[in-house]
C-alpha atoms as a PDB file:
ATOM      1  CA  MET A   1      17.755   3.671  28.361  1.00  0.00           C
ATOM      2  CA  ASP A   2      17.212   0.118  26.516  1.00  0.00           C
ATOM      3  CA  GLU A   3      19.563   0.795  23.114  1.00  0.00           C
ATOM      4  CA  ILE A   4      17.091   1.278  20.709  1.00  0.00           C
ATOM      5  CA  LYS A   5      16.906  -1.299  17.737  1.00  0.00           C
ATOM      6  CA  SER A   6      14.200  -0.485  15.712  1.00  0.00           C
ATOM      7  CA  VAL A   7      12.849   2.580  14.474  1.00  0.00           C
ATOM      8  CA  PHE A   8       9.414   2.272  13.107  1.00  0.00           C
ATOM      9  CA  TRP A   9       8.163   5.459  10.457  1.00  0.00           C
ATOM     10  CA  ASP A  10       4.823   6.603   9.658  1.00  0.00           C
ATOM     11  CA  ASN A  11       4.758   7.246   6.256  1.00  0.00           C
ATOM     12  CA  GLY A  12       1.977   9.973   5.361  1.00  0.00           C
ATOM     13  CA  GLY A  13       2.300  13.451   7.149  1.00  0.00           C
ATOM     14  CA  VAL A  14       6.313  12.644   7.984  1.00  0.00           C
ATOM     15  CA  ILE A  15       8.194  11.115   4.677  1.00  0.00           C
ATOM     16  CA  LEU A  16       5.086  11.440   2.419  1.00  0.00           C
ATOM     17  CA  THR A  17       2.111  13.750   2.048  1.00  0.00           C
ATOM     18  CA  ASN A  18      -0.829  11.574   2.819  1.00  0.00           C
ATOM     19  CA  GLY A  19      -2.378   8.970   0.535  1.00  0.00           C
ATOM     20  CA  TRP A  20      -5.786  10.046   0.869  1.00  0.00           C
ATOM     21  CA  ASP A  21      -7.288  12.241   3.598  1.00  0.00           C
ATOM     22  CA  ARG A  22      -9.881  14.648   3.780  1.00  0.00           C
ATOM     23  CA  PRO A  23      -7.875  17.737   2.175  1.00  0.00           C
ATOM     24  CA  ALA A  24      -7.722  15.411  -0.847  1.00  0.00           C
ATOM     25  CA  ARG A  25     -10.926  13.804  -0.420  1.00  0.00           C
ATOM     26  CA  GLN A  26     -11.893  17.689  -0.632  1.00  0.00           C
ATOM     27  CA  LEU A  27     -10.092  18.116  -3.498  1.00  0.00           C
ATOM     28  CA  ALA A  28     -11.690  15.026  -5.397  1.00  0.00           C
ATOM     29  CA  ALA A  29     -15.035  16.922  -4.960  1.00  0.00           C
ATOM     30  CA  GLU A  30     -14.135  19.519  -6.709  1.00  0.00           C
ATOM     31  CA  LYS A  31     -12.517  18.696  -9.372  1.00  0.00           C
ATOM     32  CA  PHE A  32     -15.053  15.677 -10.301  1.00  0.00           C
ATOM     33  CA  HIS A  33     -17.953  18.081  -9.332  1.00  0.00           C
ATOM     34  CA  PHE A  34     -19.685  16.232  -6.590  1.00  0.00           C
ATOM     35  CA  ASP A  35     -20.917  16.605  -2.852  1.00  0.00           C
ATOM     36  CA  ALA A  36     -18.235  16.971  -0.962  1.00  0.00           C
ATOM     37  CA  ALA A  37     -20.418  15.822   2.696  1.00  0.00           C
ATOM     38  CA  GLU A  38     -22.082  12.786   0.857  1.00  0.00           C
ATOM     39  CA  PHE A  39     -18.744  11.798  -0.332  1.00  0.00           C
ATOM     40  CA  GLU A  40     -17.541  12.564   3.155  1.00  0.00           C
ATOM     41  CA  GLU A  41     -20.314  10.754   4.649  1.00  0.00           C
ATOM     42  CA  ARG A  42     -20.367   7.406   2.819  1.00  0.00           C
ATOM     43  CA  ASN A  43     -16.399   7.519   2.946  1.00  0.00           C
ATOM     44  CA  GLY A  44     -16.678   7.490   6.519  1.00  0.00           C
ATOM     45  CA  LEU A  45     -19.134   4.295   6.370  1.00  0.00           C
ATOM     46  CA  VAL A  46     -16.322   2.257   4.251  1.00  0.00           C
ATOM     47  CA  PHE A  47     -12.703   3.863   4.901  1.00  0.00           C
ATOM     48  CA  ASP A  48     -12.085   0.977   8.076  1.00  0.00           C
ATOM     49  CA  ALA A  49     -12.774  -1.504   5.836  1.00  0.00           C
ATOM     50  CA  TYR A  50     -10.418  -0.600   2.968  1.00  0.00           C
ATOM     51  CA  GLU A  51      -7.480   0.658   5.393  1.00  0.00           C
ATOM     52  CA  SER A  52      -7.702  -2.453   6.553  1.00  0.00           C
ATOM     53  CA  GLY A  53      -7.588  -4.915   3.890  1.00  0.00           C
ATOM     54  CA  ARG A  54     -11.146  -6.303   3.782  1.00  0.00           C
ATOM     55  CA  MET A  55     -12.129  -3.820   1.200  1.00  0.00           C
ATOM     56  CA  THR A  56     -10.632  -3.717  -2.507  1.00  0.00           C
ATOM     57  CA  LEU A  57     -10.189  -0.127  -4.023  1.00  0.00           C
ATOM     58  CA  ASP A  58     -12.680  -0.866  -6.735  1.00  0.00           C
ATOM     59  CA  GLU A  59     -15.252  -2.349  -3.522  1.00  0.00           C
ATOM     60  CA  TYR A  60     -14.711   1.170  -1.507  1.00  0.00           C
ATOM     61  CA  LEU A  61     -14.946   3.019  -5.038  1.00  0.00           C
ATOM     62  CA  GLN A  62     -18.386   1.743  -5.263  1.00  0.00           C
ATOM     63  CA  GLY A  63     -19.457   2.269  -1.676  1.00  0.00           C
ATOM     64  CA  SER A  64     -18.327   5.995  -1.757  1.00  0.00           C
ATOM     65  CA  VAL A  65     -18.362   7.185  -5.596  1.00  0.00           C
ATOM     66  CA  PHE A  66     -19.917   5.168  -7.677  1.00  0.00           C
ATOM     67  CA  TYR A  67     -22.953   3.714  -6.209  1.00  0.00           C
ATOM     68  CA  ARG A  68     -24.659   6.628  -8.910  1.00  0.00           C
ATOM     69  CA  GLU A  69     -23.633   6.961 -12.563  1.00  0.00           C
ATOM     70  CA  ARG A  70     -20.856   9.763 -12.804  1.00  0.00           C
ATOM     71  CA  LEU A  71     -19.470  11.732 -16.111  1.00  0.00           C
ATOM     72  CA  PHE A  72     -16.066  10.809 -14.888  1.00  0.00           C
ATOM     73  CA  THR A  73     -14.696   6.713 -15.038  1.00  0.00           C
ATOM     74  CA  ALA A  74     -13.247   4.942 -12.242  1.00  0.00           C
ATOM     75  CA  GLU A  75      -9.425   4.679 -14.114  1.00  0.00           C
ATOM     76  CA  ASP A  76      -9.856   9.114 -13.567  1.00  0.00           C
ATOM     77  CA  PHE A  77     -10.746   8.763 -10.189  1.00  0.00           C
ATOM     78  CA  LYS A  78      -7.743   6.619  -8.873  1.00  0.00           C
ATOM     79  CA  MET A  79      -5.407   8.481 -10.998  1.00  0.00           C
ATOM     80  CA  PHE A  80      -6.309  11.714  -9.232  1.00  0.00           C
ATOM     81  CA  MET A  81      -6.442   9.306  -6.157  1.00  0.00           C
ATOM     82  CA  PHE A  82      -2.637   8.584  -6.545  1.00  0.00           C
ATOM     83  CA  ALA A  83      -1.334  11.798  -8.000  1.00  0.00           C
ATOM     84  CA  GLN A  84      -1.750  12.934  -4.104  1.00  0.00           C
ATOM     85  CA  SER A  85       0.792  11.266  -2.601  1.00  0.00           C
ATOM     86  CA  GLN A  86       3.913  13.309  -3.066  1.00  0.00           C
ATOM     87  CA  PRO A  87       7.776  13.100  -1.175  1.00  0.00           C
ATOM     88  CA  TYR A  88       9.107  14.905   1.247  1.00  0.00           C
ATOM     89  CA  PRO A  89      12.431  14.957   0.197  1.00  0.00           C
ATOM     90  CA  GLU A  90      14.244  16.424   3.413  1.00  0.00           C
ATOM     91  CA  SER A  91      12.583  13.871   5.414  1.00  0.00           C
ATOM     92  CA  LEU A  92      14.037  10.846   3.213  1.00  0.00           C
ATOM     93  CA  ASP A  93      17.307  12.470   3.226  1.00  0.00           C
ATOM     94  CA  LEU A  94      17.235  12.137   6.990  1.00  0.00           C
ATOM     95  CA  LEU A  95      15.794   8.673   7.050  1.00  0.00           C
ATOM     96  CA  ALA A  96      18.484   7.390   4.269  1.00  0.00           C
ATOM     97  CA  ALA A  97      21.369   8.936   6.311  1.00  0.00           C
ATOM     98  CA  LEU A  98      20.064   7.198   9.257  1.00  0.00           C
ATOM     99  CA  GLY A  99      19.811   3.782   6.959  1.00  0.00           C
ATOM    100  CA  ARG A 100      23.224   4.604   6.304  1.00  0.00           C
ATOM    101  CA  ALA A 101      24.806   4.909   9.653  1.00  0.00           C
ATOM    102  CA  GLY A 102      23.737   1.005   9.908  1.00  0.00           C
ATOM    103  CA  ARG A 103      22.946  -1.264  12.936  1.00  0.00           C
ATOM    104  CA  ARG A 104      19.217  -0.583  13.708  1.00  0.00           C
ATOM    105  CA  LEU A 105      15.885  -1.751  11.903  1.00  0.00           C
ATOM    106  CA  PHE A 106      13.913   0.570  10.156  1.00  0.00           C
ATOM    107  CA  ALA A 107      10.355  -0.220   9.585  1.00  0.00           C
ATOM    108  CA  SER A 108       7.264   1.489   7.899  1.00  0.00           C
ATOM    109  CA  LEU A 109       4.092   1.592  10.737  1.00  0.00           C
ATOM    110  CA  ASN A 110       1.761   3.258   8.283  1.00  0.00           C
ATOM    111  CA  ASN A 111      -2.691   2.924   8.122  1.00  0.00           C
ATOM    112  CA  GLU A 112      -2.930   2.534   4.295  1.00  0.00           C
ATOM    113  CA  ALA A 113      -5.395   0.667   2.194  1.00  0.00           C
ATOM    114  CA  LEU A 114      -3.757  -2.004  -0.236  1.00  0.00           C
ATOM    115  CA  GLU A 115      -3.479  -0.351  -3.622  1.00  0.00           C
ATOM    116  CA  LEU A 116      -1.943   3.115  -2.586  1.00  0.00           C
ATOM    117  CA  ASN A 117       0.469   1.240  -0.234  1.00  0.00           C
ATOM    118  CA  GLU A 118       1.739  -0.289  -2.767  1.00  0.00           C
ATOM    119  CA  TYR A 119       1.575   2.555  -5.549  1.00  0.00           C
ATOM    120  CA  ARG A 120       3.380   4.436  -2.671  1.00  0.00           C
ATOM    121  CA  ILE A 121       5.947   1.807  -1.977  1.00  0.00           C
ATOM    122  CA  GLU A 122       6.872   1.482  -5.417  1.00  0.00           C
ATOM    123  CA  LYS A 123       6.707   5.158  -6.741  1.00  0.00           C
ATOM    124  CA  PHE A 124       9.155   6.447  -4.105  1.00  0.00           C
ATOM    125  CA  ASN A 125      11.413   3.362  -3.694  1.00  0.00           C
ATOM    126  CA  LEU A 126      10.398   2.392  -0.292  1.00  0.00           C
ATOM    127  CA  ARG A 127      12.112  -1.014  -0.163  1.00  0.00           C
ATOM    128  CA  ASN A 128      15.014   0.882  -0.225  1.00  0.00           C
ATOM    129  CA  TYR A 129      14.512   2.904   3.240  1.00  0.00           C
ATOM    130  CA  PHE A 130      12.549   0.238   5.079  1.00  0.00           C
ATOM    131  CA  THR A 131      13.257  -3.558   5.799  1.00  0.00           C
ATOM    132  CA  VAL A 132       9.504  -4.172   6.565  1.00  0.00           C
ATOM    133  CA  PHE A 133       6.763  -2.952   5.721  1.00  0.00           C
ATOM    134  CA  PHE A 134       3.399  -3.151   8.990  1.00  0.00           C
ATOM    135  CA  SER A 135       0.821  -1.897   6.944  1.00  0.00           C
ATOM    136  CA  SER A 136      -2.765  -1.847   8.431  1.00  0.00           C
ATOM    137  CA  CYS A 137      -4.260  -3.481   4.559  1.00  0.00           C
ATOM    138  CA  TYR A 138      -1.344  -6.397   5.502  1.00  0.00           C
ATOM    139  CA  LEU A 139      -2.285  -6.559   9.406  1.00  0.00           C
ATOM    140  CA  GLY A 140      -6.069  -6.031   9.267  1.00  0.00           C
ATOM    141  CA  VAL A 141      -5.621  -3.337  12.347  1.00  0.00           C
ATOM    142  CA  ARG A 142      -4.748   0.135  11.963  1.00  0.00           C
ATOM    143  CA  LYS A 143      -3.468   2.783  14.285  1.00  0.00           C
ATOM    144  CA  PRO A 144      -4.210   4.279  17.037  1.00  0.00           C
ATOM    145  CA  ASP A 145      -5.548   0.623  18.038  1.00  0.00           C
ATOM    146  CA  PRO A 146      -2.824  -0.558  20.272  1.00  0.00           C
ATOM    147  CA  ARG A 147      -2.668  -4.151  18.457  1.00  0.00           C
ATOM    148  CA  ILE A 148      -0.557  -2.628  15.456  1.00  0.00           C
ATOM    149  CA  TYR A 149       2.275  -1.937  17.932  1.00  0.00           C
ATOM    150  CA  ARG A 150       2.065  -5.222  19.702  1.00  0.00           C
ATOM    151  CA  LEU A 151       2.266  -7.259  16.155  1.00  0.00           C
ATOM    152  CA  ALA A 152       5.573  -4.976  14.759  1.00  0.00           C
ATOM    153  CA  LEU A 153       6.696  -6.168  18.738  1.00  0.00           C
ATOM    154  CA  LYS A 154       5.400  -9.646  18.241  1.00  0.00           C
ATOM    155  CA  ILE A 155       7.098  -9.543  14.499  1.00  0.00           C
ATOM    156  CA  THR A 156      10.086  -7.854  15.204  1.00  0.00           C
ATOM    157  CA  GLN A 157      10.941 -10.173  18.619  1.00  0.00           C
ATOM    158  CA  CYS A 158      11.903  -6.535  20.014  1.00  0.00           C
ATOM    159  CA  GLU A 159      11.014  -4.990  23.252  1.00  0.00           C
ATOM    160  CA  PRO A 160       8.890  -1.920  23.770  1.00  0.00           C
ATOM    161  CA  GLY A 161      11.801   0.161  24.893  1.00  0.00           C
ATOM    162  CA  GLU A 162      14.018  -0.648  22.522  1.00  0.00           C
ATOM    163  CA  CYS A 163      12.068   0.986  19.996  1.00  0.00           C
ATOM    164  CA  ILE A 164      10.575   4.544  18.598  1.00  0.00           C
ATOM    165  CA  PHE A 165       7.798   5.178  16.781  1.00  0.00           C
ATOM    166  CA  ILE A 166       7.296   7.821  14.894  1.00  0.00           C
ATOM    167  CA  ASP A 167       4.019   9.554  13.492  1.00  0.00           C
ATOM    168  CA  ASP A 168       2.822  13.323  13.004  1.00  0.00           C
ATOM    169  CA  ARG A 169      -0.521  12.343  15.096  1.00  0.00           C
ATOM    170  CA  GLU A 170      -0.251  12.606  18.553  1.00  0.00           C
ATOM    171  CA  VAL A 171      -2.970   9.988  19.050  1.00  0.00           C
ATOM    172  CA  ASN A 172      -1.011   7.569  17.481  1.00  0.00           C
ATOM    173  CA  VAL A 173       2.135   8.610  19.261  1.00  0.00           C
ATOM    174  CA  GLU A 174       0.343   8.233  22.758  1.00  0.00           C
ATOM    175  CA  SER A 175      -1.428   4.926  21.724  1.00  0.00           C
ATOM    176  CA  ALA A 176       2.281   3.285  21.147  1.00  0.00           C
ATOM    177  CA  GLN A 177       3.842   4.766  24.366  1.00  0.00           C
ATOM    178  CA  GLU A 178       0.865   3.526  26.327  1.00  0.00           C
ATOM    179  CA  VAL A 179       2.204  -0.123  24.915  1.00  0.00           C
ATOM    180  CA  GLY A 180       5.670   0.839  25.703  1.00  0.00           C
ATOM    181  CA  LEU A 181       7.432   1.966  22.390  1.00  0.00           C
ATOM    182  CA  HIS A 182       9.251   5.355  22.716  1.00  0.00           C
ATOM    183  CA  GLY A 183       7.155   7.674  20.590  1.00  0.00           C
ATOM    184  CA  ILE A 184       8.608  10.863  18.723  1.00  0.00           C
ATOM    185  CA  LEU A 185       5.712  13.244  17.639  1.00  0.00           C
ATOM    186  CA  PHE A 186       6.903  14.771  14.156  1.00  0.00           C
ATOM    187  CA  GLN A 187       6.806  18.930  13.258  1.00  0.00           C
ATOM    188  CA  SER A 188       9.749  19.134  11.330  1.00  0.00           C
ATOM    189  CA  VAL A 189      12.803  17.731  10.003  1.00  0.00           C
ATOM    190  CA  ALA A 190      15.262  19.560  12.618  1.00  0.00           C
ATOM    191  CA  GLN A 191      12.981  18.674  15.436  1.00  0.00           C
ATOM    192  CA  LEU A 192      13.028  14.906  14.372  1.00  0.00           C
ATOM    193  CA  ARG A 193      16.862  14.935  14.235  1.00  0.00           C
ATOM    194  CA  ASN A 194      17.513  16.589  17.570  1.00  0.00           C
ATOM    195  CA  ASP A 195      14.802  13.937  19.194  1.00  0.00           C
ATOM    196  CA  LEU A 196      15.929  10.884  17.488  1.00  0.00           C
ATOM    197  CA  ALA A 197      19.567  11.653  18.699  1.00  0.00           C
ATOM    198  CA  ARG A 198      18.648  12.335  22.461  1.00  0.00           C
ATOM    199  CA  PHE A 199      17.986   8.317  21.798  1.00  0.00           C
ATOM    200  CA  GLY A 200      21.168   7.584  20.328  1.00  0.00           C
ATOM    201  CA  VAL A 201      20.139   7.754  16.471  1.00  0.00           C
ATOM    202  CA  LYS A 202      22.063   9.994  14.498  1.00  0.00           C
ATOM    203  CA  THR A 203      23.739  10.071  10.868  1.00  0.00           C
END
């Protein structure tokens, strides 16, 4: 087995809560009293462009929420969106301990829209954990598209067999493995620690 030189981490579902997933959108519909099914349908029409960096947050909200007059403001809605992001302290502790062990690149590889991505980087001090951020909003492509993994490999100049990719969604892990990366499906911090140790990545 090649020595592991880089570990790519998903954010939502691994070290943080998901930023803006279906349950969060359902909560938004309940809080702001609008039709959840209609919102989800309109969200589906614009979400890829939003997370791929081709649409701003304001444009996304115009297309999915504020296409009609509402009794709440866009700023109120944005505050709610951002508030859905919370840390997973045990995961962050493991990530920090692994980083202190040194000698490997730790990078974020996630699907995230620009404004939410940068909010989460700042809010949770993710620059303290990651050297580089391979986010869909920067690269213009989303997991599980294999191009996002190939871009990360080209930028880091690593061979696939020298890299691990961690995600809580099986389809994303499978697509990374098809490119040649080692994949770990995140289920718990203890399981992740054990799986990483099998690759020689230890605290």
